C-alpha atoms as a PDB file:
ATOM      1  CA  MET A   1      11.081  -5.694   6.070  1.00  0.00           C
ATOM      2  CA  VAL A   2       8.224  -4.820   8.221  1.00  0.00           C
ATOM      3  CA  ASP A   3       8.758  -3.286  11.653  1.00  0.00           C
ATOM      4  CA  PRO A   4       8.225  -5.845  14.530  1.00  0.00           C
ATOM      5  CA  ALA A   5       6.679  -2.993  16.572  1.00  0.00           C
ATOM      6  CA  TRP A   6       3.883  -2.926  13.991  1.00  0.00           C
ATOM      7  CA  ILE A   7       3.236  -6.586  14.320  1.00  0.00           C
ATOM      8  CA  ARG A   8       3.185  -6.210  18.073  1.00  0.00           C
ATOM      9  CA  GLN A   9       0.642  -3.256  17.644  1.00  0.00           C
ATOM     10  CA  VAL A  10      -1.663  -5.522  15.588  1.00  0.00           C
ATOM     11  CA  ALA A  11      -1.469  -8.147  18.377  1.00  0.00           C
ATOM     12  CA  ALA A  12      -1.976  -5.608  21.222  1.00  0.00           C
ATOM     13  CA  THR A  13      -4.985  -3.715  19.810  1.00  0.00           C
ATOM     14  CA  GLY A  14      -6.626  -6.891  18.210  1.00  0.00           C
ATOM     15  CA  GLN A  15      -7.588  -4.730  15.176  1.00  0.00           C
ATOM     16  CA  THR A  16      -6.705  -5.085  11.556  1.00  0.00           C
ATOM     17  CA  GLN A  17      -3.954  -2.636  10.584  1.00  0.00           C
ATOM     18  CA  VAL A  18      -2.255  -1.328   7.382  1.00  0.00           C
ATOM     19  CA  SER A  19       1.570  -0.851   7.531  1.00  0.00           C
ATOM     20  CA  PRO A  20       3.569   2.279   6.327  1.00  0.00           C
ATOM     21  CA  MET A  21       4.615   1.710   2.776  1.00  0.00           C
ATOM     22  CA  LEU A  22       7.937  -0.676   2.629  1.00  0.00           C
ATOM     23  CA  GLY A  23      10.612   0.338   0.112  1.00  0.00           C
ATOM     24  CA  GLY A  24      11.956   3.843  -0.776  1.00  0.00           C
ATOM     25  CA  PRO A  25      13.041   5.999  -3.503  1.00  0.00           C
ATOM     26  CA  GLY A  26      15.322   4.093  -5.895  1.00  0.00           C
ATOM     27  CA  GLU A  27      14.359   0.528  -4.502  1.00  0.00           C
ATOM     28  CA  ALA A  28      13.125  -1.924  -6.901  1.00  0.00           C
ATOM     29  CA  ALA A  29      10.085  -3.119  -4.950  1.00  0.00           C
ATOM     30  CA  HIS A  30       7.450  -1.229  -2.857  1.00  0.00           C
ATOM     31  CA  ALA A  31       4.788  -2.985  -0.575  1.00  0.00           C
ATOM     32  CA  ILE A  32       2.199  -2.409   2.199  1.00  0.00           C
ATOM     33  CA  MET A  33       1.386  -5.014   4.811  1.00  0.00           C
ATOM     34  CA  LEU A  34      -2.130  -5.945   5.952  1.00  0.00           C
ATOM     35  CA  GLY A  35      -2.137  -7.265   9.482  1.00  0.00           C
ATOM     36  CA  TYR A  36      -4.979  -9.504  10.710  1.00  0.00           C
ATOM     37  CA  PRO A  37      -5.082 -10.581  14.405  1.00  0.00           C
ATOM     38  CA  ILE A  38      -5.914 -14.238  14.878  1.00  0.00           C
ATOM     39  CA  MET A  39      -8.389 -14.822  17.634  1.00  0.00           C
ATOM     40  CA  SER A  40      -8.922 -17.840  19.909  1.00  0.00           C
ATOM     41  CA  LEU A  41     -12.322 -19.041  20.852  1.00  0.00           C
ATOM     42  CA  GLU A  42     -11.985 -17.287  24.059  1.00  0.00           C
ATOM     43  CA  ASN A  43     -11.347 -13.920  21.926  1.00  0.00           C
ATOM     44  CA  GLN A  44      -7.904 -13.696  22.704  1.00  0.00           C
ATOM     45  CA  VAL A  45      -5.247 -12.677  20.259  1.00  0.00           C
ATOM     46  CA  VAL A  46      -3.136 -15.832  19.531  1.00  0.00           C
ATOM     47  CA  GLY A  47      -1.255 -14.552  16.400  1.00  0.00           C
ATOM     48  CA  VAL A  48      -1.163 -12.223  13.546  1.00  0.00           C
ATOM     49  CA  LEU A  49      -1.596 -12.985   9.918  1.00  0.00           C
ATOM     50  CA  GLY A  50       0.235 -10.635   7.607  1.00  0.00           C
ATOM     51  CA  LEU A  51      -0.532 -10.166   3.874  1.00  0.00           C
ATOM     52  CA  SER A  52       2.060  -8.498   1.737  1.00  0.00           C
ATOM     53  CA  VAL A  53       0.740  -6.331  -1.147  1.00  0.00           C
ATOM     54  CA  HIS A  54       3.348  -5.860  -3.907  1.00  0.00           C
ATOM     55  CA  LEU A  55       2.473  -2.376  -5.165  1.00  0.00           C
ATOM     56  CA  GLU A  56       4.065  -2.770  -8.743  1.00  0.00           C
ATOM     57  CA  ALA A  57       2.056  -6.070  -9.217  1.00  0.00           C
ATOM     58  CA  LEU A  58      -0.978  -4.391  -8.150  1.00  0.00           C
ATOM     59  CA  GLU A  59      -0.467  -1.700 -10.396  1.00  0.00           C
ATOM     60  CA  LEU A  60      -0.104  -4.053 -13.345  1.00  0.00           C
ATOM     61  CA  ALA A  61      -3.298  -5.887 -12.294  1.00  0.00           C
ATOM     62  CA  LEU A  62      -5.372  -2.768 -11.852  1.00  0.00           C
ATOM     63  CA  GLY A  63      -4.246  -1.521 -15.292  1.00  0.00           C
ATOM     64  CA  SER A  64      -5.768  -4.617 -16.895  1.00  0.00           C
ATOM     65  CA  ILE A  65      -9.232  -3.792 -15.373  1.00  0.00           C
ATOM     66  CA  PRO A  66     -11.494  -1.853 -17.869  1.00  0.00           C
ATOM     67  CA  LEU A  67     -12.266   1.352 -15.912  1.00  0.00           C
ATOM     68  CA  PRO A  68     -13.947   4.426 -17.190  1.00  0.00           C
ATOM     69  CA  PRO A  69     -11.688   7.004 -18.936  1.00  0.00           C
ATOM     70  CA  GLY A  70     -10.481   9.516 -16.342  1.00  0.00           C
ATOM     71  CA  SER A  71     -10.549   6.883 -13.398  1.00  0.00           C
ATOM     72  CA  VAL A  72      -7.655   7.004 -10.853  1.00  0.00           C
ATOM     73  CA  VAL A  73      -7.075   4.272  -8.165  1.00  0.00           C
ATOM     74  CA  THR A  74      -5.388   5.660  -5.150  1.00  0.00           C
ATOM     75  CA  LEU A  75      -3.746   3.664  -2.219  1.00  0.00           C
ATOM     76  CA  THR A  76      -3.173   5.258   1.211  1.00  0.00           C
ATOM     77  CA  ASP A  77      -1.106   3.720   4.033  1.00  0.00           C
ATOM     78  CA  GLN A  78      -1.525   4.114   7.765  1.00  0.00           C
ATOM     79  CA  ASN A  79       0.300   7.488   7.718  1.00  0.00           C
ATOM     80  CA  SER A  80      -1.996   9.046   5.181  1.00  0.00           C
ATOM     81  CA  VAL A  81       0.827   8.718   2.457  1.00  0.00           C
ATOM     82  CA  SER A  82      -1.136   8.349  -0.822  1.00  0.00           C
ATOM     83  CA  TRP A  83       0.040   7.302  -4.335  1.00  0.00           C
ATOM     84  CA  PRO A  84      -1.782   6.493  -7.549  1.00  0.00           C
ATOM     85  CA  ALA A  85      -1.881   2.756  -7.959  1.00  0.00           C
ATOM     86  CA  ALA A  86      -3.312   3.027 -11.649  1.00  0.00           C
ATOM     87  CA  SER A  87      -4.547   5.527 -13.944  1.00  0.00           C
ATOM     88  CA  MET A  88      -6.580   5.423 -17.186  1.00  0.00           C
ATOM     89  CA  PRO A  89      -6.223   7.522 -20.391  1.00  0.00           C
ATOM     90  CA  GLY A  90      -7.765  10.897 -19.982  1.00  0.00           C
ATOM     91  CA  SER A  91      -7.265  10.942 -16.148  1.00  0.00           C
ATOM     92  CA  THR A  92      -6.365  13.941 -14.255  1.00  0.00           C
ATOM     93  CA  SER A  93      -3.511  12.194 -12.507  1.00  0.00           C
ATOM     94  CA  ALA A  94      -0.343  14.378 -11.839  1.00  0.00           C
ATOM     95  CA  GLY A  95       2.009  12.432 -14.097  1.00  0.00           C
ATOM     96  CA  PRO A  96       3.860   9.058 -13.721  1.00  0.00           C
ATOM     97  CA  SER A  97       3.479   6.773 -11.009  1.00  0.00           C
ATOM     98  CA  PRO A  98       5.336   7.756  -7.870  1.00  0.00           C
ATOM     99  CA  LEU A  99       6.281   4.109  -7.459  1.00  0.00           C
ATOM    100  CA  ARG A 100       8.664   4.593 -10.316  1.00  0.00           C
ATOM    101  CA  PRO A 101      10.824   7.983  -9.678  1.00  0.00           C
ATOM    102  CA  SER A 102      11.601  10.044 -12.652  1.00  0.00           C
ATOM    103  CA  ALA A 103      12.938  13.410 -13.378  1.00  0.00           C
ATOM    104  CA  ALA A 104       9.425  14.831 -13.262  1.00  0.00           C
ATOM    105  CA  ASN A 105       8.617  12.880 -10.183  1.00  0.00           C
ATOM    106  CA  PRO A 106      11.619  12.173  -8.018  1.00  0.00           C
ATOM    107  CA  ARG A 107       9.699  11.330  -4.899  1.00  0.00           C
ATOM    108  CA  THR A 108       8.505   7.629  -4.183  1.00  0.00           C
ATOM    109  CA  CYS A 109       5.264   8.873  -2.738  1.00  0.00           C
ATOM    110  CA  ARG A 110       3.464  12.168  -1.775  1.00  0.00           C
ATOM    111  CA  GLN A 111       1.856  13.284   1.399  1.00  0.00           C
ATOM    112  CA  ARG A 112      -1.985  14.190   1.060  1.00  0.00           C
END
């Protein structure tokens, strides 16, 4: 669940925001939220539109796009936490997706 303080921040600043990653180690799903302020004709914030990006689904979608060998797609949240969303054969990625913890990669994400 997204932090209500984050939604208030989008409304207060009137700027598009990216949330911290939702979901942690061992959880089935991970997501980020994109927050967009909704402005009135008088240029006042009247609401916030939130778009949830399910990272495992995004990883599958990106994996179906033909990218050159060695390509790596990386996502970064508002706290500069990065993780590879997809990698192609021959990439220099450091192993399995951190979205799926393993013995070789017990963390859910890594700080850049």
